[in-house]
Protein backbone atom coordinates (compact mmCIF):
# COMPACT_ATOMS: atom_id res chain seq x y z
CA MET A 1 -45.70 -2.93 74.61
CA ARG A 2 -45.07 -5.27 72.00
CA GLY A 3 -44.40 -4.01 68.50
CA THR A 4 -45.43 -5.77 65.42
CA LEU A 5 -42.97 -6.25 62.68
CA ARG A 6 -44.27 -5.98 59.25
CA ARG A 7 -42.58 -7.90 56.49
CA ASP A 8 -42.78 -6.60 52.96
CA GLU A 9 -42.09 -9.40 50.53
CA GLU A 10 -42.12 -7.21 47.42
CA ALA A 11 -38.91 -5.33 46.72
CA VAL A 12 -39.81 -3.60 43.44
CA SER A 13 -43.10 -3.26 41.70
CA PRO A 14 -43.57 -5.42 38.58
CA VAL A 15 -43.79 -2.37 36.29
CA ILE A 16 -40.44 -0.98 37.46
CA ALA A 17 -38.82 -4.42 37.18
CA THR A 18 -40.02 -4.76 33.57
CA VAL A 19 -38.73 -1.30 32.65
CA LEU A 20 -35.35 -2.06 34.24
CA LEU A 21 -35.06 -5.39 32.40
CA LEU A 22 -35.89 -3.70 29.09
CA ALA A 23 -33.34 -0.94 29.71
CA ILE A 24 -30.60 -3.46 30.55
CA THR A 25 -31.43 -5.50 27.44
CA VAL A 26 -31.30 -2.43 25.18
CA MET A 27 -28.00 -1.30 26.68
CA LEU A 28 -26.40 -4.74 26.32
CA SER A 29 -27.56 -5.15 22.72
CA SER A 30 -26.28 -1.65 21.90
CA MET A 31 -22.88 -2.47 23.36
CA VAL A 32 -22.67 -5.71 21.37
CA PHE A 33 -23.61 -3.82 18.19
CA VAL A 34 -20.96 -1.16 18.77
CA LEU A 35 -18.30 -3.81 19.42
CA MET A 36 -19.24 -5.84 16.34
CA GLN A 37 -19.73 -2.86 14.01
CA GLY A 38 -16.03 -2.80 13.07
CA ALA A 39 -16.14 -6.46 12.07
CA LEU A 40 -19.27 -6.01 9.97
CA THR A 41 -17.96 -3.20 7.78
CA THR A 42 -15.28 -3.89 5.18
CA VAL A 43 -12.10 -1.97 5.65
CA GLU A 44 -10.32 -0.93 2.48
CA LYS A 45 -6.60 -1.28 2.47
CA SER A 46 -4.82 2.03 2.13
CA PRO A 47 -2.92 2.53 -1.12
CA PRO A 48 0.81 1.86 -0.94
CA GLN A 49 3.24 4.74 -0.54
CA ALA A 50 6.89 4.69 -1.53
CA THR A 51 9.97 6.88 -1.64
CA VAL A 52 13.00 6.25 -3.83
CA SER A 53 16.53 7.41 -4.38
CA VAL A 54 17.98 7.78 -7.88
CA ARG A 55 21.65 7.53 -8.68
CA SER A 56 23.49 7.76 -11.98
CA LEU A 57 26.57 5.60 -12.33
CA ASP A 58 29.70 6.33 -14.34
CA ASN A 59 29.09 3.33 -16.59
CA GLY A 60 25.85 4.74 -18.10
CA PHE A 61 23.35 3.12 -15.76
CA HIS A 62 20.74 4.61 -13.43
CA VAL A 63 19.82 2.84 -10.19
CA VAL A 64 16.41 3.59 -8.67
CA ARG A 65 16.30 2.15 -5.14
CA ILE A 66 13.11 1.91 -3.07
CA THR A 67 14.11 3.56 0.21
CA SER A 68 10.73 3.14 1.92
CA LEU A 69 7.58 1.21 1.12
CA ASP A 70 4.76 0.77 3.63
CA GLN A 71 3.58 -2.62 2.30
CA SER A 72 4.93 -5.37 0.11
CA ILE A 73 3.51 -5.53 -3.41
CA ASP A 74 3.20 -8.36 -5.90
CA PRO A 75 5.44 -7.58 -8.93
CA ALA A 76 2.64 -8.67 -11.27
CA ARG A 77 0.59 -5.67 -10.09
CA LEU A 78 3.27 -3.10 -10.97
CA GLN A 79 3.75 -1.41 -14.31
CA TYR A 80 6.84 0.65 -15.07
CA ASP A 81 7.12 3.50 -17.57
CA LEU A 82 10.22 5.23 -18.89
CA LEU A 83 9.00 8.40 -20.52
CA PRO A 84 11.15 10.72 -22.64
CA ALA A 85 10.56 14.46 -22.42
CA ASN A 86 9.63 14.56 -26.10
CA LEU A 87 7.16 11.77 -26.81
CA THR A 88 7.08 12.58 -30.52
CA GLU A 89 10.69 11.47 -31.10
CA SER A 90 10.77 8.44 -28.77
CA PHE A 91 8.16 6.02 -27.57
CA PRO A 92 7.80 5.30 -23.88
CA ILE A 93 9.31 2.09 -22.61
CA ARG A 94 6.61 0.24 -20.71
CA GLY A 95 6.20 -3.16 -19.11
CA GLN A 96 5.41 -5.20 -16.04
CA VAL A 97 7.93 -5.62 -13.22
CA SER A 98 7.18 -9.37 -13.27
CA ASP A 99 8.10 -9.79 -16.97
CA ALA A 100 10.65 -12.54 -17.60
CA ASP A 101 13.05 -10.11 -19.30
CA VAL A 102 12.84 -7.63 -16.37
CA TYR A 103 12.54 -9.49 -13.04
CA GLY A 104 16.01 -10.47 -11.80
CA VAL A 105 17.63 -10.26 -15.24
CA ILE A 106 21.19 -8.98 -15.49
CA GLY A 107 22.34 -7.22 -18.65
CA SER A 108 18.98 -6.04 -20.02
CA ASN A 109 18.09 -2.41 -20.70
CA PHE A 110 15.69 -2.40 -17.75
CA SER A 111 15.77 -4.81 -14.82
CA PHE A 112 14.31 -5.21 -11.35
CA HIS A 113 16.29 -6.82 -8.55
CA ASP A 114 14.44 -8.33 -5.60
CA ARG A 115 16.87 -7.94 -2.70
CA ASP A 116 15.25 -10.55 -0.46
CA ALA A 117 14.25 -12.93 -3.32
CA GLY A 118 10.71 -13.19 -1.93
CA TYR A 119 8.92 -12.41 -5.22
CA SER A 120 7.58 -9.18 -3.80
CA VAL A 121 8.51 -5.54 -4.13
CA THR A 122 9.71 -4.28 -0.75
CA GLN A 123 11.99 -1.67 0.75
CA GLY A 124 15.56 -2.07 -0.49
CA ASP A 125 14.66 -3.53 -3.90
CA TYR A 126 15.98 -1.62 -6.90
CA PHE A 127 15.68 -1.04 -10.63
CA VAL A 128 18.67 -0.82 -12.96
CA ILE A 129 18.24 1.16 -16.18
CA ASP A 130 20.82 1.07 -19.00
CA SER A 131 20.26 4.73 -19.76
CA GLN A 132 23.20 5.12 -22.12
CA THR A 133 21.94 2.35 -24.42
CA ILE A 134 18.32 3.53 -24.56
CA GLY A 135 19.22 7.23 -24.73
CA ALA A 136 17.84 8.21 -21.33
CA ASP A 137 21.07 9.78 -20.08
CA ASP A 138 20.32 13.45 -20.86
CA GLY A 139 18.36 14.22 -17.67
CA THR A 140 14.94 14.60 -19.30
CA TRP A 141 13.53 11.08 -18.92
CA ARG A 142 11.04 10.16 -16.18
CA PHE A 143 10.66 6.83 -14.40
CA ARG A 144 7.18 5.98 -13.17
CA LEU A 145 5.89 2.98 -11.27
CA VAL A 146 2.13 2.39 -11.12
CA GLU A 147 0.28 -0.07 -8.89
CA GLU A 148 -2.40 -1.23 -11.34
CA THR A 149 -4.96 -2.74 -8.94
CA ALA A 150 -5.54 0.53 -7.08
CA GLY A 151 -4.37 2.78 -9.93
CA VAL A 152 -1.84 4.47 -7.65
CA LEU A 153 1.24 6.24 -8.96
CA LEU A 154 3.95 5.01 -6.56
CA ILE A 155 7.02 6.56 -8.11
CA ASP A 156 7.48 9.49 -10.48
CA VAL A 157 11.08 10.72 -10.69
CA THR A 158 13.28 12.34 -13.28
CA LEU A 159 16.44 10.43 -14.11
CA PRO A 160 19.44 12.72 -13.57
CA ALA A 161 21.78 13.57 -16.44
CA MET A 162 24.93 11.48 -16.75
CA ARG A 163 28.17 13.23 -15.88
């Protein structure tokens, strides 16, 4: 008895093959979209965050040192404020950190010292305030630092009273 072998040349029907090709195409395009979705959306930079330490010196100065800062900031984007407790008697002292009479100046009433001289505000930089001369040595004045682009209040501390 001799058996006949039957050969089936068709592996999958054309309808099933078309459905499979469409499914693979949809899955691949979905994966590409998911991978590229992060690149297509704009990611906003988080606002900077800082911590400071404040020290009063025996010679009538206050030193406000930036102890931590999560990103470097351009000094032209920072505004400082020295605010007295009673705004009716004294006006606030206000300016930009990048001002020529503030940035790196020694001997002024308010100065900023860039520790690494990189023209950026980073951790370790500090402000020196001649509190005795401007009358901010009674422990009621506040020092504020505002990042103007994002409108973020970075620093808000009370200057301690002089001993």
